[in-house]
Protein backbone atom coordinates (compact mmCIF):
# COMPACT_ATOMS: atom_id res chain seq x y z
CA MET A 1 17.64 34.10 1.26
CA SER A 2 17.91 30.72 2.98
CA ARG A 3 20.72 28.26 2.43
CA ASN A 4 18.23 25.77 1.02
CA ALA A 5 17.08 28.33 -1.53
CA MET A 6 20.68 29.09 -2.52
CA THR A 7 21.35 25.43 -3.22
CA ASP A 8 17.95 24.82 -4.88
CA ARG A 9 17.17 22.12 -2.35
CA PRO A 10 13.70 21.70 -0.87
CA PRO A 11 13.58 22.50 2.84
CA GLU A 12 14.11 19.52 5.10
CA PRO A 13 10.97 18.43 6.94
CA ASP A 14 10.75 19.41 10.60
CA ARG A 15 11.81 16.43 12.72
CA ARG A 16 9.11 17.20 15.27
CA VAL A 17 6.47 17.08 12.55
CA LEU A 18 7.83 13.77 11.28
CA LYS A 19 7.84 12.37 14.81
CA THR A 20 4.26 13.50 15.43
CA LYS A 21 3.04 12.05 12.14
CA ALA A 22 4.82 8.77 12.80
CA ALA A 23 3.21 8.53 16.24
CA LEU A 24 -0.24 9.17 14.78
CA ARG A 25 0.29 6.64 12.00
CA ASP A 26 1.53 3.98 14.43
CA ALA A 27 -1.43 4.64 16.72
CA MET A 28 -3.83 4.33 13.80
CA LEU A 29 -2.31 0.98 12.78
CA ASP A 30 -2.41 -0.34 16.36
CA LEU A 31 -6.06 0.64 16.75
CA MET A 32 -6.94 -0.75 13.36
CA ALA A 33 -5.61 -4.14 14.45
CA LEU A 34 -7.37 -3.91 17.84
CA ARG A 35 -10.73 -2.35 16.95
CA GLY A 36 -11.07 -2.10 13.21
CA TRP A 37 -11.18 1.03 11.07
CA ASP A 38 -14.83 1.93 11.44
CA GLN A 39 -14.77 1.73 15.25
CA MET A 40 -11.70 3.85 15.97
CA THR A 41 -12.05 7.58 16.59
CA ILE A 42 -9.71 10.51 16.16
CA GLN A 43 -9.65 10.99 19.93
CA GLU A 44 -8.53 7.39 20.42
CA ILE A 45 -5.77 7.86 17.85
CA CYS A 46 -4.61 11.02 19.64
CA ASP A 47 -4.71 9.39 23.07
CA ARG A 48 -2.70 6.40 21.92
CA ALA A 49 -0.16 8.63 20.14
CA ASN A 50 0.01 11.00 23.13
CA VAL A 51 -0.78 13.86 20.78
CA GLY A 52 -3.30 16.63 21.38
CA ARG A 53 -6.43 16.68 19.24
CA SER A 54 -5.63 20.22 18.10
CA THR A 55 -2.21 19.00 16.93
CA PHE A 56 -3.90 16.24 14.92
CA TYR A 57 -5.93 18.85 13.05
CA VAL A 58 -2.80 20.85 12.26
CA HIS A 59 -1.72 17.96 10.04
CA TYR A 60 -4.93 16.16 9.03
CA GLN A 61 -8.56 17.06 8.55
CA SER A 62 -9.79 13.53 9.23
CA LYS A 63 -8.65 9.99 9.96
CA ASP A 64 -9.30 9.28 6.26
CA GLU A 65 -6.60 11.80 5.37
CA LEU A 66 -4.21 10.12 7.81
CA LEU A 67 -4.98 6.77 6.18
CA SER A 68 -4.46 8.15 2.68
CA GLU A 69 -1.06 9.54 3.61
CA GLY A 70 -0.09 6.20 5.14
CA LEU A 71 -1.09 4.32 1.98
CA ASN A 72 0.76 6.83 -0.19
CA ASP A 73 3.87 6.35 1.94
CA LEU A 74 3.55 2.56 1.62
CA ARG A 75 3.16 2.86 -2.15
CA ASP A 76 6.20 5.13 -2.45
CA MET A 77 8.30 2.88 -0.20
CA ILE A 78 7.49 -0.26 -2.20
CA ALA A 79 7.99 1.54 -5.52
CA ALA A 80 11.38 2.85 -4.35
CA GLN A 81 12.46 -0.58 -3.11
CA THR A 82 11.67 -2.21 -6.42
CA ALA A 83 12.78 0.53 -8.83
CA GLU A 84 16.31 -0.85 -9.08
CA ALA A 85 15.38 -4.54 -9.02
CA GLY A 86 17.07 -6.52 -11.74
CA HIS A 87 14.98 -9.67 -11.67
CA ALA A 88 12.17 -10.46 -14.07
CA ASN A 89 9.28 -10.92 -11.66
CA VAL A 90 6.47 -8.46 -10.95
CA HIS A 91 8.62 -6.24 -8.78
CA PHE A 92 6.15 -4.72 -6.35
CA LEU A 93 4.63 -8.03 -5.24
CA ASP A 94 7.56 -9.15 -3.11
CA GLY A 95 7.66 -5.97 -1.06
CA LEU A 96 3.88 -5.75 -0.71
CA LEU A 97 3.42 -9.37 0.36
CA GLU A 98 6.36 -9.28 2.77
CA HIS A 99 4.87 -6.17 4.36
CA MET A 100 1.54 -7.98 4.68
CA ALA A 101 3.20 -10.99 6.32
CA GLN A 102 4.99 -8.77 8.85
CA GLN A 103 1.80 -6.88 9.79
CA ARG A 104 -0.87 -9.51 9.25
CA ASP A 105 -3.11 -8.21 12.07
CA VAL A 106 -3.17 -4.73 10.55
CA PHE A 107 -3.89 -6.04 7.07
CA ARG A 108 -6.62 -8.31 8.41
CA ALA A 109 -8.28 -5.30 10.03
CA ALA A 110 -7.85 -3.21 6.88
CA ILE A 111 -8.82 -5.53 4.03
CA GLY A 112 -10.13 -8.68 5.74
CA ARG A 113 -13.67 -9.43 6.85
CA ARG A 114 -13.46 -6.82 9.63
CA GLY A 115 -12.21 -4.10 7.34
CA GLY A 116 -14.35 -1.23 6.18
CA GLN A 117 -15.24 -0.81 2.52
CA GLY A 118 -13.56 2.58 2.44
CA VAL A 119 -10.21 1.17 3.53
CA ALA A 120 -10.42 -1.73 1.08
CA ARG A 121 -11.26 0.66 -1.76
CA ARG A 122 -8.30 2.92 -0.97
CA PHE A 123 -5.99 -0.08 -0.63
CA ARG A 124 -7.11 -1.47 -3.99
CA HIS A 125 -6.45 1.94 -5.56
CA MET A 126 -2.94 1.96 -4.08
CA VAL A 127 -2.21 -1.52 -5.50
CA CYS A 128 -3.60 -0.37 -8.85
CA GLN A 129 -1.09 2.50 -8.82
CA LEU A 130 1.73 0.01 -8.20
CA VAL A 131 0.52 -2.08 -11.15
CA GLU A 132 0.46 1.05 -13.34
CA ILE A 133 4.07 1.75 -12.37
CA GLU A 134 4.89 -1.84 -13.35
CA LEU A 135 3.15 -1.46 -16.70
CA LYS A 136 5.15 1.67 -17.53
CA ARG A 137 8.37 -0.32 -17.48
CA ARG A 138 6.93 -3.05 -19.75
CA PRO A 139 6.81 -2.19 -23.48
CA HIS A 140 3.85 -4.46 -24.13
CA PRO A 141 0.46 -3.98 -25.81
CA ALA A 142 -1.31 -4.90 -22.56
CA ALA A 143 -0.04 -1.67 -21.03
CA ALA A 144 -2.29 0.30 -23.38
CA HIS A 145 -5.44 -1.06 -21.77
CA PRO A 146 -6.41 0.90 -18.61
CA TRP A 147 -8.48 -2.02 -17.31
CA VAL A 148 -5.45 -4.32 -17.10
CA ALA A 149 -4.13 -2.57 -13.98
CA ARG A 150 -7.55 -2.86 -12.33
CA PHE A 151 -7.78 -6.54 -13.27
CA VAL A 152 -4.39 -7.38 -11.78
CA ALA A 153 -4.89 -5.19 -8.70
CA GLY A 154 -8.29 -6.77 -8.04
CA GLY A 155 -6.81 -10.26 -8.17
CA VAL A 156 -3.87 -9.35 -5.94
CA VAL A 157 -6.09 -7.71 -3.31
CA GLU A 158 -8.57 -10.61 -3.31
CA ALA A 159 -5.72 -13.08 -2.80
CA MET A 160 -4.30 -10.94 0.02
CA THR A 161 -7.74 -10.71 1.63
CA TRP A 162 -8.07 -14.48 1.56
CA TRP A 163 -4.56 -14.93 3.02
CA VAL A 164 -5.04 -12.61 6.01
CA ASP A 165 -8.36 -14.25 6.90
CA ALA A 166 -7.28 -17.86 6.36
CA PRO A 167 -6.87 -19.93 9.59
CA GLU A 168 -3.78 -21.64 8.18
CA PRO A 169 -2.52 -19.67 5.19
CA PRO A 170 0.26 -21.04 2.98
CA PRO A 171 3.79 -19.64 3.42
CA ILE A 172 4.15 -16.15 2.04
CA ALA A 173 6.83 -17.44 -0.36
CA THR A 174 4.19 -19.67 -1.96
CA MET A 175 1.85 -16.70 -2.38
CA GLN A 176 4.67 -14.65 -3.90
CA ARG A 177 5.55 -17.35 -6.41
CA GLU A 178 2.00 -18.16 -7.50
CA LEU A 179 0.72 -14.58 -7.60
CA ASP A 180 3.79 -13.55 -9.58
CA ALA A 181 3.07 -16.25 -12.18
CA LEU A 182 -0.53 -15.08 -12.55
CA ALA A 183 0.42 -11.40 -12.70
CA GLN A 184 3.15 -12.14 -15.25
CA ALA A 185 0.55 -13.69 -17.54
CA ALA A 186 -1.75 -10.69 -17.21
CA LEU A 187 1.05 -8.15 -17.69
CA GLY A 188 2.52 -9.78 -20.76
CA GLY A 189 5.17 -12.11 -19.38
CA SER A 190 3.84 -15.14 -21.23
CA ALA A 191 1.87 -16.24 -24.25
CA ALA A 192 -1.29 -15.81 -22.19
CA GLY A 193 -0.32 -12.24 -21.44
CA ALA A 194 0.49 -11.59 -25.09
CA ALA A 195 -3.10 -12.44 -26.01
CA ILE A 196 -4.30 -9.46 -23.97
CA GLY A 197 -2.75 -7.04 -26.43
CA ARG A 198 -4.64 -8.44 -29.42
């Protein structure tokens, strides 16, 4: 019996596996910014990551699976960062928008005009999951409506798409403030939001 089993802990992930996955993810993001999602190939990802193609297929069946894991990691990171937040705003927005500002080229390639529909659809789904997490912590009638998360996620993603494509976008702090106000209304943080539950 292993020590991990004796202590009821899950086994720690292999550092080599983590390093390989990180290299593949970074290569995917670099190529997405340079070439766009639809144009990049698995071979190009492997070459840029200095990882053999056979090794890629040990971990992923396709570049779509690599993308899905990356979006899941982003969702989990933002959710973890905001879980303990004590302020009253829509918690996930700050982390998501700051991440977008730091990697604008990647986001432009993913959800902007150059992005593929498949990437945009997966990204919208990820944002929808973050909204659903937000709704679970809000005891409000709006949370009972499954379409509310889609409504808010759609608005957030459209605003992000506009920002990454804009020649001279407003400061990210402005986006955070204004999007938060709109999301608050939809999620029940105001009289306008309260009307949703009727």
